[in-house]
Amino acid sequence: LHLSLRRQRQMCIRDRFLVGRGIESAYYKVKNLEERLSKYKIKAPFNGILVEGNISEGAYIVPNQVLGEFIDPNNFEVGVNIPVNLIEKIKLNQSVSIISNDNKSTIIGKIKRINQKVDEMTQTIKIFIEFNNKNLFEGKFVEVKIPLGIIPNSQIISRSLLINDSYVFIANEDNKISKNKK
C-alpha cells in the first residue's frame, strides 16, 4: 500500500509538471493535427506523372494555390484556334489528323470541346482535340488538319503559287491565261 501511494504521488507530480509546461496540451494538439491530416489526402483522378511541384513537404498552402502539375503521358489534349467564320463546319467528336513535327507520323484525334467565347483580339474560337499516343511528350509542337468539307469545283494548290496572297494564274479552255482571285 505504501509503495502504491508513493507511485501515485510521483505520477501526480509528473502530471503537474507536464501540464504546467504545456507539454500535454501540445501533445494532444499534435495528435489532433495528425488525425486531421489523415483525412486530407490529395489523390489524382488518373495514373500519371508529376511534372511540376510548386510546394515542399510541410509547407503551408492557401485555398486556390496551385500545388503542381500532373499529366497522363498517354492521353493528350491540344487547343486550336479556329476563325469564327469556319466554326459552323466544326462538329463535336469529329475526327482530325495530328501530325508530329519530328517523325511526321499521323495520329487520329477527336474534337472534345468547343469554346463558346470568341477571342475579341483574333476573332477566333478555341477548340480542344483529344488523342492518345505513347511517343509524344507534353509541350511538343504538332500540326493539326481538320477536314472542313468538300468545296465543289475546287483544286488544292500550294500557298507559294499565290501572287500577293490573293491571285493565281489559270489556263482557260481555249488555252488563254487569266488572273483569278481566290
Protein backbone atom coordinates (compact mmCIF):
# COMPACT_ATOMS: atom_id res chain seq x y z
CA LEU A 1 0.00 0.00 0.00
CA HIS A 2 2.82 2.38 0.88
CA LEU A 3 4.54 1.73 -2.49
CA SER A 4 1.29 2.32 -4.35
CA LEU A 5 0.70 5.71 -2.67
CA ARG A 6 4.27 6.75 -3.34
CA ARG A 7 3.89 5.85 -7.06
CA GLN A 8 0.62 7.79 -7.29
CA ARG A 9 2.28 10.81 -5.75
CA GLN A 10 5.17 10.64 -8.26
CA MET A 11 2.69 10.41 -11.14
CA CYS A 12 0.75 13.39 -9.81
CA ILE A 13 3.95 15.47 -9.61
CA ARG A 14 4.91 14.39 -13.14
CA ASP A 15 1.42 15.24 -14.47
CA ARG A 16 1.54 18.70 -12.88
CA PHE A 17 4.98 19.26 -14.41
CA LEU A 18 3.75 18.24 -17.90
CA VAL A 19 0.58 20.32 -17.62
CA GLY A 20 2.44 23.33 -16.20
CA ARG A 21 4.87 23.38 -19.10
CA GLY A 22 2.12 22.89 -21.74
CA ILE A 23 3.64 19.62 -22.88
CA GLU A 24 0.46 17.62 -22.51
CA SER A 25 -1.68 20.12 -24.44
CA ALA A 26 0.97 20.32 -27.17
CA TYR A 27 0.95 16.52 -27.40
CA TYR A 28 -2.82 16.43 -27.89
CA LYS A 29 -2.67 19.29 -30.41
CA VAL A 30 -0.16 17.29 -32.46
CA LYS A 31 -2.34 14.17 -32.25
CA ASN A 32 -5.37 16.21 -33.34
CA LEU A 33 -3.46 17.66 -36.31
CA GLU A 34 -2.22 14.20 -37.30
CA GLU A 35 -5.82 12.95 -37.30
CA ARG A 36 -6.99 15.92 -39.42
CA LEU A 37 -4.10 15.42 -41.83
CA SER A 38 -5.02 11.78 -42.37
CA LYS A 39 -8.41 12.96 -43.72
CA TYR A 40 -6.89 15.33 -46.30
CA LYS A 41 -5.17 13.11 -48.82
CA ILE A 42 -4.89 14.55 -52.31
CA LYS A 43 -5.27 11.93 -55.00
CA ALA A 44 -5.17 12.46 -58.78
CA PRO A 45 -8.14 11.09 -60.77
CA PHE A 46 -5.80 9.13 -63.09
CA ASN A 47 -2.39 7.45 -63.12
CA GLY A 48 0.32 9.71 -64.47
CA ILE A 49 3.47 11.69 -63.84
CA LEU A 50 4.12 14.72 -61.62
CA VAL A 51 5.90 17.16 -63.95
CA GLU A 52 5.96 20.21 -61.69
CA GLY A 53 5.78 20.56 -57.91
CA ASN A 54 5.22 24.05 -56.54
CA ILE A 55 5.35 23.26 -52.82
CA SER A 56 7.58 21.29 -50.49
CA GLU A 57 6.63 18.88 -47.73
CA GLY A 58 5.33 20.64 -44.64
CA ALA A 59 4.66 23.94 -46.43
CA TYR A 60 1.53 25.94 -45.66
CA ILE A 61 -0.94 26.20 -48.51
CA VAL A 62 -3.86 28.53 -49.10
CA PRO A 63 -7.14 27.98 -50.98
CA ASN A 64 -6.78 28.02 -54.81
CA GLN A 65 -2.99 27.67 -54.62
CA VAL A 66 -1.54 25.59 -57.46
CA LEU A 67 0.25 22.66 -55.86
CA GLY A 68 1.77 21.23 -59.03
CA GLU A 69 1.06 19.77 -62.46
CA PHE A 70 0.17 16.15 -63.01
CA ILE A 71 -0.18 14.68 -66.52
CA ASP A 72 -1.27 11.44 -68.13
CA PRO A 73 1.62 10.66 -70.52
CA ASN A 74 -0.61 8.68 -72.93
CA ASN A 75 -3.65 10.97 -73.14
CA PHE A 76 -3.17 14.42 -74.69
CA GLU A 77 -5.29 17.46 -75.41
CA VAL A 78 -4.33 20.21 -77.85
CA GLY A 79 -6.06 23.56 -78.19
CA VAL A 80 -6.52 25.03 -81.69
CA ASN A 81 -7.85 28.48 -82.61
CA ILE A 82 -10.40 28.40 -85.45
CA PRO A 83 -11.64 31.52 -87.31
CA VAL A 84 -15.22 32.43 -86.40
CA ASN A 85 -16.44 32.07 -89.99
CA LEU A 86 -15.38 28.37 -90.07
CA ILE A 87 -16.75 27.28 -86.70
CA GLU A 88 -20.10 26.10 -88.12
CA LYS A 89 -18.18 23.42 -90.06
CA ILE A 90 -16.66 22.02 -86.85
CA LYS A 91 -18.58 19.27 -85.02
CA LEU A 92 -18.04 17.58 -81.65
CA ASN A 93 -16.41 14.11 -81.89
CA GLN A 94 -15.25 14.94 -85.44
CA SER A 95 -12.05 13.07 -86.37
CA VAL A 96 -8.95 15.15 -87.11
CA SER A 97 -5.37 14.32 -88.11
CA ILE A 98 -2.49 15.29 -85.85
CA ILE A 99 0.98 15.19 -87.38
CA SER A 100 4.10 15.10 -85.22
CA ASN A 101 6.70 17.59 -86.48
CA ASP A 102 9.74 15.40 -85.88
CA ASN A 103 8.82 12.00 -87.30
CA LYS A 104 5.81 13.02 -89.46
CA SER A 105 3.66 10.24 -88.02
CA THR A 106 -0.11 10.80 -88.21
CA ILE A 107 -2.33 10.36 -85.17
CA ILE A 108 -6.12 10.43 -85.23
CA GLY A 109 -7.84 12.58 -82.61
CA LYS A 110 -11.38 13.76 -81.86
CA ILE A 111 -12.76 17.22 -81.15
CA LYS A 112 -13.89 17.02 -77.50
CA ARG A 113 -14.77 20.62 -76.64
CA ILE A 114 -15.65 23.82 -78.49
CA ASN A 115 -15.26 27.01 -76.50
CA GLN A 116 -18.31 29.28 -76.58
CA LYS A 117 -16.35 32.53 -76.25
CA VAL A 118 -14.84 34.42 -79.19
CA ASP A 119 -11.36 35.86 -78.67
CA GLU A 120 -12.01 39.54 -79.39
CA MET A 121 -8.44 40.28 -80.49
CA THR A 122 -8.08 37.46 -83.05
CA GLN A 123 -11.77 36.71 -83.81
CA THR A 124 -11.15 33.01 -83.25
CA ILE A 125 -12.77 30.30 -81.14
CA LYS A 126 -10.67 27.71 -79.34
CA ILE A 127 -11.43 24.02 -79.86
CA PHE A 128 -9.85 21.17 -77.93
CA ILE A 129 -8.76 17.93 -79.57
CA GLU A 130 -8.09 14.79 -77.54
CA PHE A 131 -5.82 11.96 -78.67
CA ASN A 132 -3.76 9.07 -77.30
CA ASN A 133 -0.12 8.46 -78.17
CA LYS A 134 2.82 7.00 -76.25
CA ASN A 135 5.51 8.52 -78.49
CA LEU A 136 4.73 12.21 -77.89
CA PHE A 137 5.72 14.44 -74.99
CA GLU A 138 3.84 17.25 -73.25
CA GLY A 139 4.62 20.66 -74.80
CA LYS A 140 5.71 19.30 -78.19
CA PHE A 141 4.59 21.08 -81.39
CA VAL A 142 2.18 19.25 -83.69
CA GLU A 143 0.32 20.11 -86.89
CA VAL A 144 -3.46 19.65 -86.89
CA LYS A 145 -5.51 19.00 -90.04
CA ILE A 146 -9.26 19.48 -89.65
CA PRO A 147 -11.45 18.41 -92.59
CA LEU A 148 -13.98 21.18 -93.25
CA GLY A 149 -15.87 19.51 -96.07
CA ILE A 150 -15.54 19.45 -99.85
CA ILE A 151 -15.79 22.61 -101.93
CA PRO A 152 -17.23 21.80 -105.39
CA ASN A 153 -15.19 22.75 -108.50
CA SER A 154 -12.06 23.47 -106.48
CA GLN A 155 -8.40 22.48 -106.51
CA ILE A 156 -5.80 22.37 -103.76
CA ILE A 157 -2.68 24.37 -104.63
CA SER A 158 0.43 25.31 -102.72
CA ARG A 159 0.24 28.66 -100.96
CA SER A 160 3.56 29.59 -102.61
CA LEU A 161 1.76 29.70 -106.00
CA LEU A 162 -0.44 32.62 -104.89
CA ILE A 163 0.56 36.06 -106.12
CA ASN A 164 0.24 38.75 -103.43
CA ASP A 165 -1.62 36.16 -101.32
CA SER A 166 -4.79 36.57 -103.40
CA TYR A 167 -4.25 35.76 -107.12
CA VAL A 168 -3.25 32.77 -109.20
CA PHE A 169 -2.85 32.37 -112.97
CA ILE A 170 -5.15 29.79 -114.60
CA ALA A 171 -5.43 28.40 -118.13
CA ASN A 172 -8.91 28.60 -119.69
CA GLU A 173 -10.44 26.07 -122.11
CA ASP A 174 -9.07 28.00 -125.10
CA ASN A 175 -5.52 27.95 -123.57
CA LYS A 176 -5.62 31.63 -122.61
CA ILE A 177 -4.01 32.57 -119.29
CA SER A 178 -6.01 34.76 -116.95
CA LYS A 179 -5.63 36.05 -113.41
CA ASN A 180 -8.12 34.58 -110.93
CA LYS A 181 -8.80 35.95 -107.44
CA LYS A 182 -9.04 33.42 -104.60
